[in-house]
Amino acid sequence: MSPPPLAARPFGLLGVPRAVLFFLAEDRRRYLGFSAVLLAVQFYALLPPYLIGRVADFLLDYRAGDSLEPMY
């Protein structure tokens, strides 16, 4: 038996990325590039709290005579 025609197939959530890429056509690379930039910028917002947390953890756990290597 042959697969059902495209019009008869249900359109689910997994079909959305394919549809978006289909409609982007020649702008796919630009879209994916800008999406990567957006992801990097959004990730950058998490960096300062992470670094501050690392420093705070180090300072709270530090005992006199311990190695200072984790700070470098």
PDB file of N, CA and C in Angstrom:
ATOM      1  N   MET A   1       0.838  -1.177   0.000  1.00  0.00           N
ATOM      2  CA  MET A   1       0.000   0.000   0.000  1.00  0.00           C
ATOM      3  C   MET A   1       0.887   1.247   0.000  1.00  0.00           C
ATOM      4  N   SER A   2       0.539   2.234  -0.753  1.00  0.00           N
ATOM      5  CA  SER A   2       1.339   3.455  -0.854  1.00  0.00           C
ATOM      6  C   SER A   2       1.004   4.400   0.298  1.00  0.00           C
ATOM      7  N   PRO A   3       1.958   5.296   0.640  1.00  0.00           N
ATOM      8  CA  PRO A   3       1.700   6.239   1.739  1.00  0.00           C
ATOM      9  C   PRO A   3       0.586   7.208   1.341  1.00  0.00           C
ATOM     10  N   PRO A   4      -0.107   7.766   2.331  1.00  0.00           N
ATOM     11  CA  PRO A   4      -1.187   8.703   2.017  1.00  0.00           C
ATOM     12  C   PRO A   4      -0.624   9.966   1.371  1.00  0.00           C
ATOM     13  N   PRO A   5      -1.407  10.647   0.547  1.00  0.00           N
ATOM     14  CA  PRO A   5      -0.938  11.899  -0.065  1.00  0.00           C
ATOM     15  C   PRO A   5      -0.630  12.944   1.001  1.00  0.00           C
ATOM     16  N   LEU A   6       0.163  13.934   0.610  1.00  0.00           N
ATOM     17  CA  LEU A   6       0.582  14.952   1.576  1.00  0.00           C
ATOM     18  C   LEU A   6      -0.595  15.657   2.228  1.00  0.00           C
ATOM     19  N   ALA A   7      -1.646  15.926   1.480  1.00  0.00           N
ATOM     20  CA  ALA A   7      -2.798  16.642   2.027  1.00  0.00           C
ATOM     21  C   ALA A   7      -3.498  15.813   3.105  1.00  0.00           C
ATOM     22  N   ALA A   8      -3.383  14.492   3.052  1.00  0.00           N
ATOM     23  CA  ALA A   8      -4.070  13.642   4.017  1.00  0.00           C
ATOM     24  C   ALA A   8      -3.249  13.405   5.282  1.00  0.00           C
ATOM     25  N   ARG A   9      -1.975  13.728   5.264  1.00  0.00           N
ATOM     26  CA  ARG A   9      -1.137  13.527   6.436  1.00  0.00           C
ATOM     27  C   ARG A   9      -1.441  14.586   7.488  1.00  0.00           C
ATOM     28  N   PRO A  10      -1.521  14.195   8.751  1.00  0.00           N
ATOM     29  CA  PRO A  10      -1.756  15.203   9.793  1.00  0.00           C
ATOM     30  C   PRO A  10      -0.502  16.059   9.994  1.00  0.00           C
ATOM     31  N   PHE A  11      -0.728  17.328  10.251  1.00  0.00           N
ATOM     32  CA  PHE A  11       0.388  18.247  10.483  1.00  0.00           C
ATOM     33  C   PHE A  11       0.560  18.387  11.984  1.00  0.00           C
ATOM     34  N   GLY A  12       1.677  17.869  12.494  1.00  0.00           N
ATOM     35  CA  GLY A  12       1.915  17.897  13.935  1.00  0.00           C
ATOM     36  C   GLY A  12       2.977  18.904  14.306  1.00  0.00           C
ATOM     37  N   LEU A  13       3.315  18.887  15.559  1.00  0.00           N
ATOM     38  CA  LEU A  13       4.309  19.810  16.086  1.00  0.00           C
ATOM     39  C   LEU A  13       5.685  19.580  15.463  1.00  0.00           C
ATOM     40  N   LEU A  14       6.003  18.337  15.141  1.00  0.00           N
ATOM     41  CA  LEU A  14       7.301  18.035  14.542  1.00  0.00           C
ATOM     42  C   LEU A  14       7.412  18.541  13.105  1.00  0.00           C
ATOM     43  N   GLY A  15       6.302  18.877  12.487  1.00  0.00           N
ATOM     44  CA  GLY A  15       6.326  19.396  11.121  1.00  0.00           C
ATOM     45  C   GLY A  15       6.603  20.889  11.052  1.00  0.00           C
ATOM     46  N   VAL A  16       6.531  21.571  12.180  1.00  0.00           N
ATOM     47  CA  VAL A  16       6.720  23.028  12.197  1.00  0.00           C
ATOM     48  C   VAL A  16       8.134  23.434  11.754  1.00  0.00           C
ATOM     49  N   PRO A  17       9.212  22.846  12.301  1.00  0.00           N
ATOM     50  CA  PRO A  17      10.545  23.259  11.839  1.00  0.00           C
ATOM     51  C   PRO A  17      10.745  23.028  10.340  1.00  0.00           C
ATOM     52  N   ARG A  18      10.225  21.927   9.819  1.00  0.00           N
ATOM     53  CA  ARG A  18      10.349  21.677   8.377  1.00  0.00           C
ATOM     54  C   ARG A  18       9.593  22.729   7.577  1.00  0.00           C
ATOM     55  N   ALA A  19       8.405  23.107   8.058  1.00  0.00           N
ATOM     56  CA  ALA A  19       7.625  24.124   7.353  1.00  0.00           C
ATOM     57  C   ALA A  19       8.334  25.472   7.378  1.00  0.00           C
ATOM     58  N   VAL A  20       8.902  25.819   8.525  1.00  0.00           N
ATOM     59  CA  VAL A  20       9.619  27.097   8.626  1.00  0.00           C
ATOM     60  C   VAL A  20      10.807  27.106   7.674  1.00  0.00           C
ATOM     61  N   LEU A  21      11.590  26.044   7.669  1.00  0.00           N
ATOM     62  CA  LEU A  21      12.744  25.983   6.772  1.00  0.00           C
ATOM     63  C   LEU A  21      12.310  25.981   5.313  1.00  0.00           C
ATOM     64  N   PHE A  22      11.165  25.374   5.009  1.00  0.00           N
ATOM     65  CA  PHE A  22      10.674  25.381   3.633  1.00  0.00           C
ATOM     66  C   PHE A  22      10.337  26.799   3.197  1.00  0.00           C
ATOM     67  N   PHE A  23       9.662  27.554   4.048  1.00  0.00           N
ATOM     68  CA  PHE A  23       9.252  28.908   3.676  1.00  0.00           C
ATOM     69  C   PHE A  23      10.419  29.891   3.692  1.00  0.00           C
ATOM     70  N   LEU A  24      11.484  29.578   4.400  1.00  0.00           N
ATOM     71  CA  LEU A  24      12.650  30.474   4.401  1.00  0.00           C
ATOM     72  C   LEU A  24      13.399  30.409   3.073  1.00  0.00           C
ATOM     73  N   ALA A  25      13.366  29.267   2.429  1.00  0.00           N
ATOM     74  CA  ALA A  25      14.012  29.046   1.127  1.00  0.00           C
ATOM     75  C   ALA A  25      15.461  29.518   1.139  1.00  0.00           C
ATOM     76  N   GLU A  26      15.762  30.578   0.391  1.00  0.00           N
ATOM     77  CA  GLU A  26      17.161  31.006   0.255  1.00  0.00           C
ATOM     78  C   GLU A  26      17.684  31.761   1.478  1.00  0.00           C
ATOM     79  N   ASP A  27      16.819  32.092   2.423  1.00  0.00           N
ATOM     80  CA  ASP A  27      17.250  32.810   3.628  1.00  0.00           C
ATOM     81  C   ASP A  27      17.568  31.872   4.786  1.00  0.00           C
ATOM     82  N   ARG A  28      17.659  30.579   4.527  1.00  0.00           N
ATOM     83  CA  ARG A  28      17.894  29.605   5.599  1.00  0.00           C
ATOM     84  C   ARG A  28      19.190  29.876   6.352  1.00  0.00           C
ATOM     85  N   ARG A  29      20.248  30.066   5.616  1.00  0.00           N
ATOM     86  CA  ARG A  29      21.549  30.277   6.278  1.00  0.00           C
ATOM     87  C   ARG A  29      21.539  31.527   7.137  1.00  0.00           C
ATOM     88  N   ARG A  30      20.945  32.588   6.623  1.00  0.00           N
ATOM     89  CA  ARG A  30      20.883  33.830   7.371  1.00  0.00           C
ATOM     90  C   ARG A  30      20.050  33.655   8.643  1.00  0.00           C
ATOM     91  N   TYR A  31      18.929  32.974   8.518  1.00  0.00           N
ATOM     92  CA  TYR A  31      18.057  32.716   9.669  1.00  0.00           C
ATOM     93  C   TYR A  31      18.780  31.885  10.725  1.00  0.00           C
ATOM     94  N   LEU A  32      19.424  30.812  10.295  1.00  0.00           N
ATOM     95  CA  LEU A  32      20.139  29.962  11.242  1.00  0.00           C
ATOM     96  C   LEU A  32      21.322  30.700  11.871  1.00  0.00           C
ATOM     97  N   GLY A  33      21.990  31.547  11.097  1.00  0.00           N
ATOM     98  CA  GLY A  33      23.097  32.341  11.634  1.00  0.00           C
ATOM     99  C   GLY A  33      22.632  33.316  12.692  1.00  0.00           C
ATOM    100  N   PHE A  34      21.555  34.035  12.403  1.00  0.00           N
ATOM    101  CA  PHE A  34      21.035  34.986  13.379  1.00  0.00           C
ATOM    102  C   PHE A  34      20.448  34.267  14.593  1.00  0.00           C
ATOM    103  N   SER A  35      19.903  33.070  14.395  1.00  0.00           N
ATOM    104  CA  SER A  35      19.403  32.289  15.523  1.00  0.00           C
ATOM    105  C   SER A  35      20.565  31.883  16.437  1.00  0.00           C
ATOM    106  N   ALA A  36      21.699  31.542  15.837  1.00  0.00           N
ATOM    107  CA  ALA A  36      22.878  31.189  16.633  1.00  0.00           C
ATOM    108  C   ALA A  36      23.386  32.409  17.415  1.00  0.00           C
ATOM    109  N   VAL A  37      23.373  33.572  16.778  1.00  0.00           N
ATOM    110  CA  VAL A  37      23.788  34.804  17.468  1.00  0.00           C
ATOM    111  C   VAL A  37      22.841  35.086  18.629  1.00  0.00           C
ATOM    112  N   LEU A  38      21.546  34.941  18.407  1.00  0.00           N
ATOM    113  CA  LEU A  38      20.566  35.170  19.469  1.00  0.00           C
ATOM    114  C   LEU A  38      20.783  34.207  20.629  1.00  0.00           C
ATOM    115  N   LEU A  39      21.055  32.960  20.328  1.00  0.00           N
ATOM    116  CA  LEU A  39      21.317  31.974  21.376  1.00  0.00           C
ATOM    117  C   LEU A  39      22.562  32.345  22.177  1.00  0.00           C
ATOM    118  N   ALA A  40      23.610  32.798  21.498  1.00  0.00           N
ATOM    119  CA  ALA A  40      24.837  33.196  22.184  1.00  0.00           C
ATOM    120  C   ALA A  40      24.591  34.409  23.094  1.00  0.00           C
ATOM    121  N   VAL A  41      23.806  35.369  22.615  1.00  0.00           N
ATOM    122  CA  VAL A  41      23.521  36.564  23.417  1.00  0.00           C
ATOM    123  C   VAL A  41      22.684  36.190  24.640  1.00  0.00           C
ATOM    124  N   GLN A  42      21.729  35.301  24.457  1.00  0.00           N
ATOM    125  CA  GLN A  42      20.904  34.873  25.581  1.00  0.00           C
ATOM    126  C   GLN A  42      21.736  34.088  26.597  1.00  0.00           C
ATOM    127  N   PHE A  43      22.665  33.284  26.118  1.00  0.00           N
ATOM    128  CA  PHE A  43      23.540  32.524  27.011  1.00  0.00           C
ATOM    129  C   PHE A  43      24.478  33.451  27.777  1.00  0.00           C
ATOM    130  N   TYR A  44      24.900  34.534  27.141  1.00  0.00           N
ATOM    131  CA  TYR A  44      25.825  35.476  27.767  1.00  0.00           C
ATOM    132  C   TYR A  44      25.224  36.085  29.026  1.00  0.00           C
ATOM    133  N   ALA A  45      23.906  36.213  29.081  1.00  0.00           N
ATOM    134  CA  ALA A  45      23.247  36.785  30.262  1.00  0.00           C
ATOM    135  C   ALA A  45      23.417  35.881  31.484  1.00  0.00           C
ATOM    136  N   LEU A  46      23.692  34.605  31.277  1.00  0.00           N
ATOM    137  CA  LEU A  46      23.868  33.668  32.394  1.00  0.00           C
ATOM    138  C   LEU A  46      25.301  33.654  32.929  1.00  0.00           C
ATOM    139  N   LEU A  47      26.219  34.226  32.200  1.00  0.00           N
ATOM    140  CA  LEU A  47      27.628  34.158  32.579  1.00  0.00           C
ATOM    141  C   LEU A  47      27.961  34.930  33.864  1.00  0.00           C
ATOM    142  N   PRO A  48      27.558  36.200  34.034  1.00  0.00           N
ATOM    143  CA  PRO A  48      27.907  36.912  35.272  1.00  0.00           C
ATOM    144  C   PRO A  48      27.394  36.238  36.548  1.00  0.00           C
ATOM    145  N   PRO A  49      26.119  35.790  36.617  1.00  0.00           N
ATOM    146  CA  PRO A  49      25.708  35.102  37.845  1.00  0.00           C
ATOM    147  C   PRO A  49      26.499  33.822  38.098  1.00  0.00           C
ATOM    148  N   TYR A  50      26.851  33.117  37.048  1.00  0.00           N
ATOM    149  CA  TYR A  50      27.639  31.896  37.212  1.00  0.00           C
ATOM    150  C   TYR A  50      29.015  32.214  37.794  1.00  0.00           C
ATOM    151  N   LEU A  51      29.676  33.221  37.250  1.00  0.00           N
ATOM    152  CA  LEU A  51      31.016  33.585  37.733  1.00  0.00           C
ATOM    153  C   LEU A  51      30.961  34.104  39.169  1.00  0.00           C
ATOM    154  N   ILE A  52      29.961  34.909  39.473  1.00  0.00           N
ATOM    155  CA  ILE A  52      29.824  35.425  40.832  1.00  0.00           C
ATOM    156  C   ILE A  52      29.567  34.275  41.803  1.00  0.00           C
ATOM    157  N   GLY A  53      28.768  33.310  41.389  1.00  0.00           N
ATOM    158  CA  GLY A  53      28.507  32.141  42.228  1.00  0.00           C
ATOM    159  C   GLY A  53      29.764  31.328  42.471  1.00  0.00           C
ATOM    160  N   ARG A  54      30.584  31.180  41.429  1.00  0.00           N
ATOM    161  CA  ARG A  54      31.849  30.437  41.597  1.00  0.00           C
ATOM    162  C   ARG A  54      32.768  31.136  42.601  1.00  0.00           C
ATOM    163  N   VAL A  55      32.867  32.461  42.494  1.00  0.00           N
ATOM    164  CA  VAL A  55      33.715  33.221  43.423  1.00  0.00           C
ATOM    165  C   VAL A  55      33.158  33.118  44.841  1.00  0.00           C
ATOM    166  N   ALA A  56      31.839  33.253  44.984  1.00  0.00           N
ATOM    167  CA  ALA A  56      31.233  33.164  46.321  1.00  0.00           C
ATOM    168  C   ALA A  56      31.457  31.783  46.920  1.00  0.00           C
ATOM    169  N   ASP A  57      31.279  30.729  46.125  1.00  0.00           N
ATOM    170  CA  ASP A  57      31.516  29.372  46.630  1.00  0.00           C
ATOM    171  C   ASP A  57      32.965  29.200  47.086  1.00  0.00           C
ATOM    172  N   PHE A  58      33.881  29.744  46.293  1.00  0.00           N
ATOM    173  CA  PHE A  58      35.293  29.641  46.658  1.00  0.00           C
ATOM    174  C   PHE A  58      35.568  30.361  47.972  1.00  0.00           C
ATOM    175  N   LEU A  59      35.046  31.586  48.102  1.00  0.00           N
ATOM    176  CA  LEU A  59      35.315  32.373  49.307  1.00  0.00           C
ATOM    177  C   LEU A  59      34.662  31.770  50.543  1.00  0.00           C
ATOM    178  N   LEU A  60      33.493  31.150  50.383  1.00  0.00           N
ATOM    179  CA  LEU A  60      32.823  30.550  51.541  1.00  0.00           C
ATOM    180  C   LEU A  60      33.497  29.262  51.987  1.00  0.00           C
ATOM    181  N   ASP A  61      34.109  28.545  51.063  1.00  0.00           N
ATOM    182  CA  ASP A  61      34.748  27.274  51.398  1.00  0.00           C
ATOM    183  C   ASP A  61      36.246  27.407  51.689  1.00  0.00           C
ATOM    184  N   TYR A  62      36.805  28.589  51.511  1.00  0.00           N
ATOM    185  CA  TYR A  62      38.249  28.764  51.653  1.00  0.00           C
ATOM    186  C   TYR A  62      38.651  28.699  53.125  1.00  0.00           C
ATOM    187  N   ARG A  63      39.711  27.977  53.367  1.00  0.00           N
ATOM    188  CA  ARG A  63      40.323  27.907  54.693  1.00  0.00           C
ATOM    189  C   ARG A  63      41.773  28.349  54.555  1.00  0.00           C
ATOM    190  N   ALA A  64      42.308  28.958  55.602  1.00  0.00           N
ATOM    191  CA  ALA A  64      43.686  29.436  55.572  1.00  0.00           C
ATOM    192  C   ALA A  64      44.623  28.278  55.231  1.00  0.00           C
ATOM    193  N   GLY A  65      45.483  28.505  54.266  1.00  0.00           N
ATOM    194  CA  GLY A  65      46.449  27.507  53.857  1.00  0.00           C
ATOM    195  C   GLY A  65      45.984  26.674  52.676  1.00  0.00           C
ATOM    196  N   ASP A  66      44.696  26.770  52.265  1.00  0.00           N
ATOM    197  CA  ASP A  66      44.210  26.043  51.086  1.00  0.00           C
ATOM    198  C   ASP A  66      44.825  26.635  49.821  1.00  0.00           C
ATOM    199  N   SER A  67      44.831  25.864  48.785  1.00  0.00           N
ATOM    200  CA  SER A  67      45.361  26.315  47.502  1.00  0.00           C
ATOM    201  C   SER A  67      44.462  27.390  46.894  1.00  0.00           C
ATOM    202  N   LEU A  68      45.092  28.381  46.296  1.00  0.00           N
ATOM    203  CA  LEU A  68      44.349  29.432  45.585  1.00  0.00           C
ATOM    204  C   LEU A  68      44.187  29.107  44.092  1.00  0.00           C
ATOM    205  N   GLU A  69      44.588  27.907  43.716  1.00  0.00           N
ATOM    206  CA  GLU A  69      44.563  27.523  42.292  1.00  0.00           C
ATOM    207  C   GLU A  69      43.180  27.660  41.639  1.00  0.00           C
ATOM    208  N   PRO A  70      42.068  27.324  42.297  1.00  0.00           N
ATOM    209  CA  PRO A  70      40.756  27.461  41.627  1.00  0.00           C
ATOM    210  C   PRO A  70      40.425  28.888  41.207  1.00  0.00           C
ATOM    211  N   MET A  71      41.054  29.883  41.819  1.00  0.00           N
ATOM    212  CA  MET A  71      40.782  31.269  41.435  1.00  0.00           C
ATOM    213  C   MET A  71      41.545  31.698  40.187  1.00  0.00           C
ATOM    214  N   TYR A  72      42.486  30.903  39.753  1.00  0.00           N
ATOM    215  CA  TYR A  72      43.272  31.285  38.594  1.00  0.00           C
ATOM    216  C   TYR A  72      42.834  30.511  37.437  1.00  0.00           C
TER     217      TYR A  72
END
